[in-house]
């Protein structure tokens, strides 16, 4: 049970949940995320799916990844997903840039001698600020988006050169792995610049999961 919802109440909401499920499949963009939970002392997973218009569904699963996705909205969804964990589902994906900013800050703290991480963090912040000025159906101008893409690629070239001159050490490789990921999934880091319906972060899904985690902690302390 979540928030002391009884089985009777859950059954009464089934028609509403089925309707929300069907409507979410038609949404062009959907936020997704999952977190670990406990059920009778055993590990399980809680998934949340939320659309920009506020519809949200939670799913409890014994397993994660593909087994956990079965039977959820994501399994049949064909729009744009807001979490790269689900790269096998949906038509396209946007990396959460709030996470990327944190990872870049961590790289700056652990690799202060490198410049690419500082330049990339500044660029990501600038792109997010630029994108906030556009709301559907308004789209950012292609010339400015192209300039951002060129700067992004140039910073990746700087990172490749810096790691070539001074390779990442065994103690800290997260910065190097981040560079490789941002290079491989460049399109998925910059999708929000090409589609004004796609936010730059996955905050909607994460916010709903934080509500669940706080409630879970309260029950654990009782």
N, C-alpha and C. Protein backbone atom coordinates (compact mmCIF):
# COMPACT_ATOMS: atom_id res chain seq x y z
N UNK A 1 0.83 -1.19 0.00
CA UNK A 1 0.00 0.00 0.00
C UNK A 1 0.88 1.25 0.00
N UNK A 2 0.44 2.28 -0.70
CA UNK A 2 1.11 3.57 -0.72
C UNK A 2 0.16 4.59 -0.12
N UNK A 3 0.63 5.34 0.87
CA UNK A 3 -0.18 6.35 1.53
C UNK A 3 -1.48 5.74 2.10
N UNK A 4 -1.41 4.49 2.55
CA UNK A 4 -2.55 3.81 3.20
C UNK A 4 -3.76 3.67 2.29
N UNK A 5 -3.52 3.60 0.99
CA UNK A 5 -4.63 3.39 0.07
C UNK A 5 -5.06 1.93 0.15
N UNK A 6 -6.33 1.71 0.37
CA UNK A 6 -6.83 0.34 0.51
C UNK A 6 -7.03 -0.30 -0.86
N UNK A 7 -7.09 -1.62 -0.87
CA UNK A 7 -7.32 -2.34 -2.11
C UNK A 7 -8.67 -1.94 -2.72
N UNK A 8 -9.66 -1.70 -1.86
CA UNK A 8 -10.98 -1.31 -2.35
C UNK A 8 -10.91 0.01 -3.11
N UNK A 9 -10.17 0.97 -2.55
CA UNK A 9 -10.03 2.26 -3.22
C UNK A 9 -9.30 2.09 -4.54
N UNK A 10 -8.25 1.25 -4.56
CA UNK A 10 -7.47 1.04 -5.77
C UNK A 10 -8.34 0.45 -6.88
N UNK A 11 -9.22 -0.48 -6.52
CA UNK A 11 -10.09 -1.09 -7.51
C UNK A 11 -11.08 -0.08 -8.07
N UNK A 12 -11.56 0.84 -7.23
CA UNK A 12 -12.50 1.84 -7.68
C UNK A 12 -11.87 2.83 -8.66
N UNK A 13 -10.56 2.98 -8.59
CA UNK A 13 -9.89 3.93 -9.48
C UNK A 13 -9.46 3.28 -10.79
N UNK A 14 -9.72 2.00 -10.97
CA UNK A 14 -9.24 1.30 -12.17
C UNK A 14 -9.74 1.95 -13.47
N UNK A 15 -11.01 2.33 -13.58
CA UNK A 15 -11.45 3.00 -14.83
C UNK A 15 -10.67 4.28 -15.10
N UNK A 16 -10.44 5.09 -14.04
CA UNK A 16 -9.68 6.33 -14.22
C UNK A 16 -8.24 6.04 -14.65
N UNK A 17 -7.66 4.99 -14.07
CA UNK A 17 -6.28 4.65 -14.42
C UNK A 17 -6.18 4.15 -15.86
N UNK A 18 -7.16 3.39 -16.30
CA UNK A 18 -7.17 2.91 -17.69
C UNK A 18 -7.30 4.09 -18.66
N UNK A 19 -8.14 5.03 -18.30
CA UNK A 19 -8.31 6.22 -19.15
C UNK A 19 -7.02 7.03 -19.21
N UNK A 20 -6.39 7.23 -18.05
CA UNK A 20 -5.13 7.98 -18.01
C UNK A 20 -4.06 7.27 -18.83
N UNK A 21 -4.02 5.94 -18.72
CA UNK A 21 -3.05 5.13 -19.47
C UNK A 21 -3.22 5.38 -20.97
N UNK A 22 -4.46 5.31 -21.45
CA UNK A 22 -4.72 5.49 -22.88
C UNK A 22 -4.36 6.90 -23.33
N UNK A 23 -4.67 7.90 -22.51
CA UNK A 23 -4.39 9.28 -22.88
C UNK A 23 -2.88 9.56 -22.87
N UNK A 24 -2.16 8.93 -21.95
CA UNK A 24 -0.71 9.14 -21.89
C UNK A 24 -0.01 8.58 -23.12
N UNK A 25 -0.55 7.52 -23.69
CA UNK A 25 0.04 6.95 -24.90
C UNK A 25 -0.01 7.94 -26.06
N UNK A 26 -0.95 8.88 -26.02
CA UNK A 26 -1.10 9.86 -27.10
C UNK A 26 -0.28 11.12 -26.87
N UNK A 27 0.32 11.26 -25.68
CA UNK A 27 1.10 12.45 -25.38
C UNK A 27 2.40 12.45 -26.20
N UNK A 28 2.78 13.58 -26.81
CA UNK A 28 4.02 13.62 -27.61
C UNK A 28 5.28 13.50 -26.77
N UNK A 29 5.19 13.85 -25.47
CA UNK A 29 6.35 13.79 -24.58
C UNK A 29 5.92 13.17 -23.25
N UNK A 30 6.79 12.35 -22.67
CA UNK A 30 6.47 11.75 -21.37
C UNK A 30 7.73 11.66 -20.50
N UNK A 31 7.60 12.03 -19.23
CA UNK A 31 8.69 11.91 -18.27
C UNK A 31 8.62 10.53 -17.61
N UNK A 32 9.75 9.91 -17.39
CA UNK A 32 9.79 8.61 -16.72
C UNK A 32 10.94 8.57 -15.73
N UNK A 33 10.75 7.80 -14.67
CA UNK A 33 11.83 7.60 -13.70
C UNK A 33 11.43 6.44 -12.80
N UNK A 34 12.39 5.89 -12.06
CA UNK A 34 12.08 4.81 -11.13
C UNK A 34 12.99 4.92 -9.92
N UNK A 35 12.58 4.29 -8.82
CA UNK A 35 13.37 4.29 -7.60
C UNK A 35 13.18 2.97 -6.89
N UNK A 36 14.12 2.63 -6.03
CA UNK A 36 14.01 1.38 -5.29
C UNK A 36 13.03 1.53 -4.13
N UNK A 37 12.43 0.43 -3.73
CA UNK A 37 11.46 0.42 -2.63
C UNK A 37 11.57 -0.91 -1.89
N UNK A 38 10.78 -1.05 -0.85
CA UNK A 38 10.77 -2.28 -0.06
C UNK A 38 9.33 -2.76 0.09
N UNK A 39 9.12 -4.06 -0.09
CA UNK A 39 7.81 -4.67 0.10
C UNK A 39 7.99 -5.92 0.95
N UNK A 40 7.46 -5.87 2.17
CA UNK A 40 7.59 -6.99 3.09
C UNK A 40 9.05 -7.43 3.24
N UNK A 41 9.94 -6.46 3.31
CA UNK A 41 11.35 -6.74 3.50
C UNK A 41 12.13 -7.08 2.24
N UNK A 42 11.45 -7.12 1.10
CA UNK A 42 12.11 -7.45 -0.16
C UNK A 42 12.26 -6.20 -1.03
N UNK A 43 13.33 -6.18 -1.84
CA UNK A 43 13.56 -5.06 -2.75
C UNK A 43 12.57 -5.11 -3.90
N UNK A 44 12.11 -3.94 -4.31
CA UNK A 44 11.27 -3.82 -5.49
C UNK A 44 11.51 -2.45 -6.11
N UNK A 45 10.80 -2.15 -7.16
CA UNK A 45 10.98 -0.89 -7.87
C UNK A 45 9.64 -0.18 -8.02
N UNK A 46 9.66 1.15 -7.92
CA UNK A 46 8.48 1.96 -8.18
C UNK A 46 8.78 2.86 -9.38
N UNK A 47 7.96 2.73 -10.42
CA UNK A 47 8.10 3.54 -11.63
C UNK A 47 7.04 4.63 -11.63
N UNK A 48 7.40 5.80 -12.14
CA UNK A 48 6.42 6.87 -12.31
C UNK A 48 6.48 7.35 -13.76
N UNK A 49 5.32 7.63 -14.31
CA UNK A 49 5.20 8.13 -15.67
C UNK A 49 4.30 9.36 -15.61
N UNK A 50 4.74 10.48 -16.16
CA UNK A 50 3.97 11.72 -16.06
C UNK A 50 4.09 12.49 -17.37
N UNK A 51 2.97 13.07 -17.81
CA UNK A 51 2.95 13.85 -19.03
C UNK A 51 2.93 15.33 -18.68
N UNK A 52 3.32 16.21 -19.62
CA UNK A 52 3.37 17.65 -19.32
C UNK A 52 2.07 18.25 -18.84
N UNK A 53 0.92 17.63 -19.18
CA UNK A 53 -0.36 18.19 -18.73
C UNK A 53 -0.76 17.72 -17.34
N UNK A 54 0.13 16.97 -16.66
CA UNK A 54 -0.12 16.62 -15.26
C UNK A 54 -0.60 15.22 -14.99
N UNK A 55 -0.90 14.44 -16.01
CA UNK A 55 -1.33 13.05 -15.79
C UNK A 55 -0.14 12.24 -15.27
N UNK A 56 -0.38 11.39 -14.27
CA UNK A 56 0.72 10.60 -13.70
C UNK A 56 0.20 9.23 -13.28
N UNK A 57 1.03 8.22 -13.48
CA UNK A 57 0.72 6.87 -13.04
C UNK A 57 1.95 6.27 -12.37
N UNK A 58 1.72 5.54 -11.26
CA UNK A 58 2.78 4.81 -10.57
C UNK A 58 2.59 3.32 -10.83
N UNK A 59 3.72 2.60 -10.95
CA UNK A 59 3.67 1.16 -11.09
C UNK A 59 4.69 0.54 -10.13
N UNK A 60 4.27 -0.46 -9.38
CA UNK A 60 5.18 -1.19 -8.50
C UNK A 60 5.59 -2.48 -9.21
N UNK A 61 6.89 -2.78 -9.21
CA UNK A 61 7.40 -3.95 -9.90
C UNK A 61 8.44 -4.67 -9.04
N UNK A 62 8.49 -5.98 -9.16
CA UNK A 62 9.48 -6.75 -8.42
C UNK A 62 10.87 -6.59 -9.02
N UNK A 63 10.93 -6.36 -10.33
CA UNK A 63 12.22 -6.25 -11.02
C UNK A 63 12.31 -4.90 -11.73
N UNK A 64 13.52 -4.56 -12.17
CA UNK A 64 13.73 -3.31 -12.88
C UNK A 64 14.13 -3.58 -14.32
N UNK A 65 14.50 -2.53 -15.04
CA UNK A 65 14.89 -2.59 -16.44
C UNK A 65 13.75 -3.18 -17.27
N UNK A 66 14.04 -4.07 -18.24
CA UNK A 66 13.02 -4.53 -19.18
C UNK A 66 11.88 -5.28 -18.49
N UNK A 67 12.20 -6.09 -17.49
CA UNK A 67 11.16 -6.83 -16.79
C UNK A 67 10.23 -5.87 -16.05
N UNK A 68 10.81 -4.81 -15.51
CA UNK A 68 10.01 -3.84 -14.78
C UNK A 68 9.13 -3.00 -15.69
N UNK A 69 9.57 -2.79 -16.93
CA UNK A 69 8.83 -1.96 -17.87
C UNK A 69 7.58 -2.67 -18.40
N UNK A 70 7.60 -4.00 -18.38
CA UNK A 70 6.46 -4.75 -18.91
C UNK A 70 5.16 -4.35 -18.22
N UNK A 71 4.15 -4.06 -19.04
CA UNK A 71 2.85 -3.71 -18.50
C UNK A 71 2.69 -2.25 -18.13
N UNK A 72 3.75 -1.45 -18.29
CA UNK A 72 3.67 -0.02 -17.99
C UNK A 72 3.40 0.76 -19.27
N UNK A 73 3.20 2.07 -19.13
CA UNK A 73 2.92 2.91 -20.30
C UNK A 73 4.08 2.87 -21.29
N UNK A 74 5.28 2.79 -20.80
CA UNK A 74 6.46 2.84 -21.66
C UNK A 74 6.51 1.71 -22.67
N UNK A 75 6.00 0.56 -22.29
CA UNK A 75 6.12 -0.62 -23.16
C UNK A 75 5.51 -0.37 -24.54
N UNK A 76 4.42 0.38 -24.60
CA UNK A 76 3.74 0.64 -25.87
C UNK A 76 3.87 2.08 -26.34
N UNK A 77 4.64 2.89 -25.63
CA UNK A 77 4.72 4.32 -25.94
C UNK A 77 5.58 4.57 -27.17
N UNK A 78 5.15 5.49 -28.04
CA UNK A 78 5.88 5.79 -29.27
C UNK A 78 6.30 7.26 -29.38
N UNK A 79 6.18 8.02 -28.29
CA UNK A 79 6.58 9.43 -28.32
C UNK A 79 8.00 9.62 -27.84
N UNK A 80 8.26 10.82 -27.28
CA UNK A 80 9.60 11.18 -26.82
C UNK A 80 9.68 10.94 -25.31
N UNK A 81 10.61 10.11 -24.89
CA UNK A 81 10.79 9.80 -23.48
C UNK A 81 11.84 10.70 -22.87
N UNK A 82 11.64 10.99 -21.57
CA UNK A 82 12.51 11.93 -20.90
C UNK A 82 13.56 11.26 -20.03
N UNK A 83 13.86 10.00 -20.28
CA UNK A 83 14.91 9.35 -19.51
C UNK A 83 15.61 8.33 -20.38
N UNK A 84 16.94 8.44 -20.52
CA UNK A 84 17.68 7.55 -21.42
C UNK A 84 17.73 6.12 -20.91
N UNK A 85 17.31 5.87 -19.67
CA UNK A 85 17.25 4.50 -19.17
C UNK A 85 16.35 3.66 -20.07
N UNK A 86 15.40 4.32 -20.72
CA UNK A 86 14.42 3.62 -21.53
C UNK A 86 14.71 3.79 -23.02
N UNK A 87 15.98 3.72 -23.41
CA UNK A 87 16.37 3.93 -24.80
C UNK A 87 15.77 2.90 -25.75
N UNK A 88 15.38 1.75 -25.24
CA UNK A 88 14.80 0.72 -26.09
C UNK A 88 13.33 0.98 -26.38
N UNK A 89 12.77 2.03 -25.76
CA UNK A 89 11.35 2.31 -25.91
C UNK A 89 11.17 3.73 -26.43
N UNK A 90 9.98 3.99 -26.99
CA UNK A 90 9.71 5.33 -27.48
C UNK A 90 10.37 5.60 -28.82
N UNK A 91 10.11 6.80 -29.36
CA UNK A 91 10.65 7.18 -30.67
C UNK A 91 11.93 7.98 -30.55
N UNK A 92 12.12 8.69 -29.43
CA UNK A 92 13.33 9.49 -29.25
C UNK A 92 13.51 9.75 -27.75
N UNK A 93 14.65 10.31 -27.38
CA UNK A 93 14.95 10.48 -25.97
C UNK A 93 15.74 11.75 -25.71
N UNK A 94 15.47 12.37 -24.55
CA UNK A 94 16.19 13.56 -24.12
C UNK A 94 16.89 13.25 -22.80
N UNK A 95 18.19 13.42 -22.76
CA UNK A 95 18.92 13.28 -21.52
C UNK A 95 18.51 14.38 -20.54
N UNK A 96 18.49 14.07 -19.26
CA UNK A 96 18.16 15.07 -18.25
C UNK A 96 19.38 15.95 -18.01
N UNK A 97 19.32 17.22 -18.40
CA UNK A 97 20.47 18.10 -18.29
C UNK A 97 20.73 18.57 -16.86
N UNK A 98 19.74 18.41 -15.97
CA UNK A 98 20.00 18.70 -14.56
C UNK A 98 21.03 17.71 -14.02
N UNK A 99 20.92 16.45 -14.45
CA UNK A 99 21.92 15.45 -14.07
C UNK A 99 23.27 15.77 -14.68
N UNK A 100 23.26 16.14 -15.96
CA UNK A 100 24.50 16.45 -16.67
C UNK A 100 25.24 17.59 -15.99
N UNK A 101 24.51 18.61 -15.56
CA UNK A 101 25.14 19.74 -14.86
C UNK A 101 25.81 19.28 -13.57
N UNK A 102 25.15 18.38 -12.84
CA UNK A 102 25.74 17.86 -11.60
C UNK A 102 26.99 17.04 -11.90
N UNK A 103 26.93 16.23 -12.95
CA UNK A 103 28.09 15.41 -13.32
C UNK A 103 29.27 16.28 -13.76
N UNK A 104 28.97 17.35 -14.48
CA UNK A 104 30.03 18.26 -14.92
C UNK A 104 30.65 18.98 -13.72
N UNK A 105 29.81 19.37 -12.76
CA UNK A 105 30.34 20.01 -11.54
C UNK A 105 31.23 19.04 -10.79
N UNK A 106 30.86 17.78 -10.74
CA UNK A 106 31.68 16.76 -10.08
C UNK A 106 33.01 16.60 -10.81
N UNK A 107 32.97 16.64 -12.15
CA UNK A 107 34.21 16.55 -12.93
C UNK A 107 35.10 17.76 -12.67
N UNK A 108 34.52 18.95 -12.57
CA UNK A 108 35.30 20.16 -12.29
C UNK A 108 35.99 20.05 -10.94
N UNK A 109 35.27 19.51 -9.94
CA UNK A 109 35.84 19.38 -8.60
C UNK A 109 36.97 18.36 -8.56
N UNK A 110 36.85 17.30 -9.35
CA UNK A 110 37.84 16.22 -9.32
C UNK A 110 38.92 16.36 -10.37
N UNK A 111 38.66 17.16 -11.42
CA UNK A 111 39.64 17.36 -12.48
C UNK A 111 39.80 18.87 -12.75
N UNK A 112 40.25 19.62 -11.77
CA UNK A 112 40.33 21.08 -11.92
C UNK A 112 41.29 21.53 -13.01
N UNK A 113 42.21 20.66 -13.42
CA UNK A 113 43.18 21.04 -14.44
C UNK A 113 42.60 21.03 -15.85
N UNK A 114 41.43 20.42 -16.03
CA UNK A 114 40.82 20.33 -17.36
C UNK A 114 39.91 21.53 -17.61
N UNK A 115 39.78 21.90 -18.88
CA UNK A 115 38.96 23.05 -19.25
C UNK A 115 37.62 22.66 -19.88
N UNK A 116 37.55 21.47 -20.47
CA UNK A 116 36.35 21.10 -21.22
C UNK A 116 35.11 21.05 -20.32
N UNK A 117 35.31 20.55 -19.07
CA UNK A 117 34.16 20.42 -18.18
C UNK A 117 33.57 21.79 -17.80
N UNK A 118 34.44 22.77 -17.59
CA UNK A 118 33.97 24.12 -17.26
C UNK A 118 33.25 24.74 -18.45
N UNK A 119 33.83 24.58 -19.64
CA UNK A 119 33.23 25.14 -20.84
C UNK A 119 31.89 24.49 -21.15
N UNK A 120 31.81 23.17 -20.98
CA UNK A 120 30.58 22.47 -21.28
C UNK A 120 29.48 22.83 -20.28
N UNK A 121 29.84 22.95 -19.02
CA UNK A 121 28.83 23.31 -18.01
C UNK A 121 28.26 24.70 -18.30
N UNK A 122 29.14 25.63 -18.66
CA UNK A 122 28.70 26.98 -19.01
C UNK A 122 27.79 26.95 -20.24
N UNK A 123 28.14 26.13 -21.22
CA UNK A 123 27.33 26.04 -22.44
C UNK A 123 25.96 25.44 -22.15
N UNK A 124 25.91 24.37 -21.36
CA UNK A 124 24.64 23.74 -21.03
C UNK A 124 23.72 24.72 -20.30
N UNK A 125 24.29 25.48 -19.36
CA UNK A 125 23.49 26.48 -18.65
C UNK A 125 22.95 27.54 -19.61
N UNK A 126 23.80 27.97 -20.55
CA UNK A 126 23.38 28.97 -21.53
C UNK A 126 22.27 28.43 -22.43
N UNK A 127 22.39 27.17 -22.85
CA UNK A 127 21.38 26.58 -23.73
C UNK A 127 20.04 26.45 -23.02
N UNK A 128 20.07 26.04 -21.75
CA UNK A 128 18.83 25.92 -20.98
C UNK A 128 18.16 27.27 -20.83
N UNK A 129 18.96 28.30 -20.52
CA UNK A 129 18.42 29.66 -20.38
C UNK A 129 17.81 30.13 -21.70
N UNK A 130 18.49 29.85 -22.81
CA UNK A 130 18.00 30.23 -24.13
C UNK A 130 16.69 29.53 -24.44
N UNK A 131 16.63 28.25 -24.12
CA UNK A 131 15.44 27.45 -24.43
C UNK A 131 14.20 27.87 -23.62
N UNK A 132 14.42 28.41 -22.43
CA UNK A 132 13.30 28.84 -21.60
C UNK A 132 12.51 29.98 -22.22
N UNK A 133 13.10 30.65 -23.19
CA UNK A 133 12.42 31.76 -23.85
C UNK A 133 11.47 31.32 -24.95
N UNK A 134 11.36 30.00 -25.15
CA UNK A 134 10.50 29.49 -26.22
C UNK A 134 9.51 28.47 -25.67
N UNK A 135 8.24 28.65 -25.98
CA UNK A 135 7.19 27.75 -25.57
C UNK A 135 6.40 27.30 -26.80
N UNK A 136 5.88 26.07 -26.78
CA UNK A 136 5.09 25.60 -27.93
C UNK A 136 3.95 26.55 -28.25
N UNK A 137 3.66 26.80 -29.53
CA UNK A 137 4.28 26.19 -30.72
C UNK A 137 5.51 26.93 -31.22
N UNK A 138 5.98 27.92 -30.48
CA UNK A 138 7.16 28.69 -30.89
C UNK A 138 8.40 27.81 -30.81
N UNK A 139 9.26 27.88 -31.82
CA UNK A 139 10.48 27.07 -31.86
C UNK A 139 11.71 27.97 -31.94
N UNK A 140 12.84 27.56 -31.32
CA UNK A 140 14.08 28.34 -31.39
C UNK A 140 14.56 28.47 -32.84
N UNK A 141 15.22 29.57 -33.15
CA UNK A 141 15.71 29.78 -34.51
C UNK A 141 16.84 28.79 -34.82
N UNK A 142 16.81 28.24 -36.00
CA UNK A 142 17.75 27.19 -36.41
C UNK A 142 19.20 27.68 -36.41
N UNK A 143 19.41 28.96 -36.76
CA UNK A 143 20.78 29.48 -36.82
C UNK A 143 21.43 29.43 -35.44
N UNK A 144 20.68 29.84 -34.39
CA UNK A 144 21.21 29.83 -33.04
C UNK A 144 21.43 28.40 -32.56
N UNK A 145 20.51 27.51 -32.89
CA UNK A 145 20.66 26.11 -32.50
C UNK A 145 21.91 25.51 -33.15
N UNK A 146 22.14 25.85 -34.40
CA UNK A 146 23.33 25.36 -35.11
C UNK A 146 24.61 25.86 -34.44
N UNK A 147 24.60 27.10 -33.98
CA UNK A 147 25.77 27.65 -33.29
C UNK A 147 26.04 26.88 -32.00
N UNK A 148 24.97 26.56 -31.26
CA UNK A 148 25.13 25.78 -30.03
C UNK A 148 25.74 24.40 -30.34
N UNK A 149 25.26 23.78 -31.40
CA UNK A 149 25.77 22.45 -31.77
C UNK A 149 27.25 22.50 -32.12
N UNK A 150 27.66 23.54 -32.83
CA UNK A 150 29.07 23.68 -33.19
C UNK A 150 29.94 23.89 -31.95
N UNK A 151 29.47 24.69 -31.02
CA UNK A 151 30.21 24.91 -29.77
C UNK A 151 30.29 23.62 -28.95
N UNK A 152 29.21 22.88 -28.92
CA UNK A 152 29.16 21.59 -28.22
C UNK A 152 30.23 20.64 -28.80
N UNK A 153 30.27 20.55 -30.13
CA UNK A 153 31.24 19.67 -30.79
C UNK A 153 32.67 20.14 -30.54
N UNK A 154 32.88 21.45 -30.54
CA UNK A 154 34.23 21.98 -30.31
C UNK A 154 34.71 21.64 -28.89
N UNK A 155 33.81 21.72 -27.93
CA UNK A 155 34.18 21.38 -26.55
C UNK A 155 34.50 19.90 -26.43
N UNK A 156 33.76 19.06 -27.16
CA UNK A 156 34.07 17.63 -27.16
C UNK A 156 35.46 17.37 -27.75
N UNK A 157 35.84 18.15 -28.76
CA UNK A 157 37.18 18.03 -29.34
C UNK A 157 38.23 18.41 -28.30
N UNK A 158 37.94 19.45 -27.51
CA UNK A 158 38.85 19.85 -26.44
C UNK A 158 38.99 18.72 -25.42
N UNK A 159 37.87 18.10 -25.06
CA UNK A 159 37.90 17.00 -24.10
C UNK A 159 38.72 15.83 -24.63
N UNK A 160 38.54 15.51 -25.91
CA UNK A 160 39.28 14.39 -26.51
C UNK A 160 40.79 14.67 -26.46
N UNK A 161 41.17 15.91 -26.73
CA UNK A 161 42.59 16.28 -26.71
C UNK A 161 43.13 16.24 -25.28
N UNK A 162 42.36 16.76 -24.33
CA UNK A 162 42.84 16.79 -22.94
C UNK A 162 42.99 15.39 -22.37
N UNK A 163 42.05 14.51 -22.66
CA UNK A 163 42.18 13.13 -22.16
C UNK A 163 43.24 12.36 -22.94
N UNK A 164 43.55 12.82 -24.16
CA UNK A 164 44.64 12.21 -24.91
C UNK A 164 45.99 12.60 -24.33
N UNK A 165 46.11 13.87 -23.91
CA UNK A 165 47.37 14.35 -23.33
C UNK A 165 47.55 13.83 -21.90
N UNK A 166 46.48 13.88 -21.11
CA UNK A 166 46.53 13.40 -19.73
C UNK A 166 45.34 12.46 -19.52
N UNK A 167 45.54 11.16 -19.68
CA UNK A 167 44.43 10.21 -19.54
C UNK A 167 43.81 10.24 -18.15
N UNK A 168 42.54 9.87 -18.09
CA UNK A 168 41.86 9.77 -16.79
C UNK A 168 42.56 8.70 -15.95
N UNK A 169 42.69 8.97 -14.64
CA UNK A 169 43.36 8.00 -13.78
C UNK A 169 42.35 7.00 -13.24
N UNK A 170 42.87 5.96 -12.59
CA UNK A 170 42.02 4.89 -12.07
C UNK A 170 41.16 5.37 -10.91
N UNK A 171 41.59 6.42 -10.23
CA UNK A 171 40.83 6.92 -9.07
C UNK A 171 39.53 7.59 -9.50
N UNK A 172 39.58 8.34 -10.60
CA UNK A 172 38.39 9.07 -11.05
C UNK A 172 38.27 9.00 -12.56
N UNK A 173 37.29 8.25 -13.03
CA UNK A 173 37.04 8.10 -14.46
C UNK A 173 35.67 8.62 -14.88
N UNK A 174 34.92 9.16 -13.92
CA UNK A 174 33.56 9.61 -14.22
C UNK A 174 33.54 10.74 -15.24
N UNK A 175 34.52 11.64 -15.15
CA UNK A 175 34.57 12.75 -16.10
C UNK A 175 34.80 12.25 -17.52
N UNK A 176 35.70 11.31 -17.66
CA UNK A 176 35.99 10.73 -18.98
C UNK A 176 34.78 9.98 -19.52
N UNK A 177 34.12 9.22 -18.65
CA UNK A 177 32.92 8.49 -19.07
C UNK A 177 31.80 9.44 -19.47
N UNK A 178 31.71 10.58 -18.78
CA UNK A 178 30.71 11.58 -19.14
C UNK A 178 30.99 12.15 -20.52
N UNK A 179 32.25 12.44 -20.79
CA UNK A 179 32.64 12.93 -22.12
C UNK A 179 32.23 11.93 -23.20
N UNK A 180 32.52 10.65 -22.98
CA UNK A 180 32.17 9.63 -23.97
C UNK A 180 30.66 9.57 -24.18
N UNK A 181 29.91 9.69 -23.09
CA UNK A 181 28.45 9.63 -23.20
C UNK A 181 27.90 10.85 -23.94
N UNK A 182 28.43 12.03 -23.63
CA UNK A 182 27.96 13.24 -24.30
C UNK A 182 28.34 13.25 -25.77
N UNK A 183 29.41 12.57 -26.11
CA UNK A 183 29.80 12.46 -27.51
C UNK A 183 28.90 11.46 -28.23
N UNK A 184 28.67 10.32 -27.62
CA UNK A 184 27.88 9.27 -28.26
C UNK A 184 26.41 9.67 -28.40
N UNK A 185 25.88 10.35 -27.37
CA UNK A 185 24.45 10.70 -27.36
C UNK A 185 24.25 12.21 -27.51
N UNK A 186 25.04 12.83 -28.37
CA UNK A 186 24.91 14.27 -28.58
C UNK A 186 23.48 14.65 -28.96
N UNK A 187 22.88 13.91 -29.87
CA UNK A 187 21.52 14.21 -30.32
C UNK A 187 20.54 14.20 -29.14
N UNK A 188 20.76 13.28 -28.20
CA UNK A 188 19.83 13.15 -27.08
C UNK A 188 20.09 14.17 -25.98
N UNK A 189 21.24 14.82 -26.02
CA UNK A 189 21.49 15.93 -25.10
C UNK A 189 20.94 17.24 -25.64
N UNK A 190 20.79 17.33 -26.95
CA UNK A 190 20.39 18.59 -27.58
C UNK A 190 19.00 18.55 -28.20
N UNK A 191 18.27 17.47 -28.00
CA UNK A 191 16.93 17.35 -28.59
C UNK A 191 16.01 18.49 -28.15
N UNK A 192 16.16 18.95 -26.90
CA UNK A 192 15.28 20.00 -26.39
C UNK A 192 15.41 21.32 -27.16
N UNK A 193 16.54 21.49 -27.88
CA UNK A 193 16.72 22.69 -28.69
C UNK A 193 15.93 22.63 -30.00
N UNK A 194 15.61 21.43 -30.43
CA UNK A 194 14.93 21.24 -31.70
C UNK A 194 13.42 21.07 -31.55
N UNK A 195 12.97 20.80 -30.33
CA UNK A 195 11.55 20.55 -30.10
C UNK A 195 11.12 21.28 -28.83
N UNK A 196 10.32 22.32 -28.98
CA UNK A 196 9.95 23.15 -27.82
C UNK A 196 9.03 22.42 -26.84
N UNK A 197 8.49 21.26 -27.23
CA UNK A 197 7.65 20.48 -26.32
C UNK A 197 8.49 19.65 -25.35
N UNK A 198 9.79 19.56 -25.62
CA UNK A 198 10.68 18.72 -24.81
C UNK A 198 11.44 19.58 -23.80
N UNK A 199 11.19 19.41 -22.49
CA UNK A 199 11.95 20.16 -21.48
C UNK A 199 13.39 19.68 -21.42
N UNK A 200 14.24 20.48 -20.80
CA UNK A 200 15.65 20.13 -20.71
C UNK A 200 15.95 19.18 -19.55
N UNK A 201 15.01 19.02 -18.63
CA UNK A 201 15.23 18.17 -17.46
C UNK A 201 14.10 17.17 -17.29
N UNK A 202 14.31 16.23 -16.39
CA UNK A 202 13.30 15.21 -16.07
C UNK A 202 12.70 15.51 -14.70
N UNK A 203 12.62 16.78 -14.33
CA UNK A 203 12.21 17.16 -12.97
C UNK A 203 10.79 16.73 -12.62
N UNK A 204 9.89 16.69 -13.60
CA UNK A 204 8.50 16.34 -13.30
C UNK A 204 8.42 14.94 -12.69
N UNK A 205 9.06 13.97 -13.31
CA UNK A 205 9.02 12.59 -12.80
C UNK A 205 9.77 12.47 -11.49
N UNK A 206 10.92 13.12 -11.39
CA UNK A 206 11.72 13.03 -10.17
C UNK A 206 11.00 13.65 -8.98
N UNK A 207 10.26 14.74 -9.22
CA UNK A 207 9.54 15.39 -8.14
C UNK A 207 8.46 14.46 -7.56
N UNK A 208 7.77 13.74 -8.41
CA UNK A 208 6.74 12.82 -7.94
C UNK A 208 7.36 11.64 -7.19
N UNK A 209 8.51 11.18 -7.62
CA UNK A 209 9.17 10.09 -6.90
C UNK A 209 9.69 10.55 -5.54
N UNK A 210 10.11 11.81 -5.44
CA UNK A 210 10.56 12.32 -4.14
C UNK A 210 9.41 12.33 -3.15
N UNK A 211 8.19 12.64 -3.64
CA UNK A 211 7.02 12.58 -2.76
C UNK A 211 6.83 11.18 -2.21
N UNK A 212 6.99 10.20 -3.08
CA UNK A 212 6.84 8.80 -2.65
C UNK A 212 7.92 8.43 -1.65
N UNK A 213 9.17 8.83 -1.91
CA UNK A 213 10.28 8.47 -1.02
C UNK A 213 10.10 9.09 0.36
N UNK A 214 9.59 10.33 0.41
CA UNK A 214 9.35 10.96 1.70
C UNK A 214 8.28 10.21 2.48
N UNK A 215 7.22 9.79 1.79
CA UNK A 215 6.16 9.05 2.44
C UNK A 215 6.68 7.69 2.91
N UNK A 216 7.52 7.07 2.12
CA UNK A 216 8.10 5.79 2.49
C UNK A 216 8.95 5.92 3.76
N UNK A 217 9.72 7.01 3.84
CA UNK A 217 10.55 7.24 5.02
C UNK A 217 9.70 7.47 6.26
N UNK A 218 8.57 8.17 6.10
CA UNK A 218 7.69 8.42 7.24
C UNK A 218 7.14 7.11 7.80
N UNK A 219 6.71 6.20 6.91
CA UNK A 219 6.18 4.93 7.37
C UNK A 219 7.25 4.07 8.02
N UNK A 220 8.47 4.17 7.52
CA UNK A 220 9.57 3.37 8.07
C UNK A 220 9.89 3.81 9.49
N UNK A 221 9.67 5.12 9.79
CA UNK A 221 10.00 5.64 11.10
C UNK A 221 8.90 5.41 12.12
N UNK A 222 7.70 5.00 11.65
CA UNK A 222 6.59 4.80 12.58
C UNK A 222 6.81 3.52 13.41
